[in-house]
């Protein structure tokens, strides 16, 4: 399994759930979609934390090239 593909898939699912939540009419539907978004964000956080542990940011004093 490629972690980058998983993270991209989770991001797409989060956006889809947010759009569905925006279109929902009842509080029950909004709650269901918000719980889905929370769970997906928690899952994405697992991969982001893993990436941070694998390749921690090393500040060598050079500015970020944006």
Protein backbone atom coordinates (compact mmCIF):
# COMPACT_ATOMS: atom_id res chain seq x y z
CA UNK A 1 0.00 0.00 0.00
CA UNK A 2 1.27 3.40 -0.97
CA UNK A 3 0.77 5.90 1.90
CA UNK A 4 0.54 8.80 -0.53
CA UNK A 5 -2.35 7.15 -2.40
CA UNK A 6 -4.10 6.45 0.88
CA UNK A 7 -3.69 10.06 2.01
CA UNK A 8 -4.95 11.39 -1.33
CA UNK A 9 -7.94 9.05 -1.14
CA UNK A 10 -8.74 10.15 2.39
CA UNK A 11 -8.50 13.80 1.36
CA UNK A 12 -10.91 13.24 -1.51
CA UNK A 13 -13.34 11.41 0.78
CA UNK A 14 -13.17 14.27 3.30
CA UNK A 15 -14.04 16.78 0.58
CA UNK A 16 -16.90 14.58 -0.63
CA UNK A 17 -18.29 14.25 2.90
CA UNK A 18 -18.02 18.02 3.44
CA UNK A 19 -19.94 18.70 0.23
CA UNK A 20 -22.59 16.18 1.25
CA UNK A 21 -22.84 17.82 4.68
CA UNK A 22 -23.31 21.19 3.00
CA UNK A 23 -26.27 19.82 1.02
CA UNK A 24 -27.91 18.00 3.93
CA UNK A 25 -31.15 19.41 5.27
CA UNK A 26 -31.82 17.75 8.62
CA UNK A 27 -29.69 17.87 11.77
CA UNK A 28 -29.46 14.07 11.73
CA UNK A 29 -27.93 14.11 8.24
CA UNK A 30 -25.49 16.85 9.25
CA UNK A 31 -24.48 14.86 12.34
CA UNK A 32 -23.91 11.74 10.27
CA UNK A 33 -21.71 13.60 7.79
CA UNK A 34 -19.81 15.44 10.52
CA UNK A 35 -19.00 12.14 12.24
CA UNK A 36 -17.78 10.77 8.91
CA UNK A 37 -15.55 13.84 8.41
CA UNK A 38 -14.17 13.53 11.94
CA UNK A 39 -13.30 9.85 11.45
CA UNK A 40 -11.67 10.51 8.08
CA UNK A 41 -9.66 13.42 9.52
CA UNK A 42 -8.52 11.23 12.41
CA UNK A 43 -7.40 8.58 9.91
CA UNK A 44 -5.54 11.17 7.85
CA UNK A 45 -3.88 12.42 11.04
CA UNK A 46 -2.46 8.95 11.65
CA UNK A 47 -0.63 9.08 8.32
CA UNK A 48 0.55 12.66 8.84
CA UNK A 49 1.95 11.76 12.27
CA UNK A 50 3.64 8.71 10.78
CA UNK A 51 5.27 10.84 8.09
CA UNK A 52 6.42 13.31 10.74
CA UNK A 53 8.04 10.52 12.72
CA UNK A 54 9.70 9.00 9.66
CA UNK A 55 11.14 12.26 8.30
CA UNK A 56 11.15 14.95 10.98
CA UNK A 57 11.59 18.53 9.85
CA UNK A 58 15.19 19.61 10.18
CA UNK A 59 15.50 23.38 10.48
CA UNK A 60 18.87 24.24 9.05
CA UNK A 61 18.22 27.97 9.01
CA UNK A 62 17.46 28.28 5.31
CA UNK A 63 14.18 29.98 4.38
CA UNK A 64 11.35 27.92 2.88
CA UNK A 65 11.30 28.57 -0.89
CA UNK A 66 7.71 29.76 -1.42
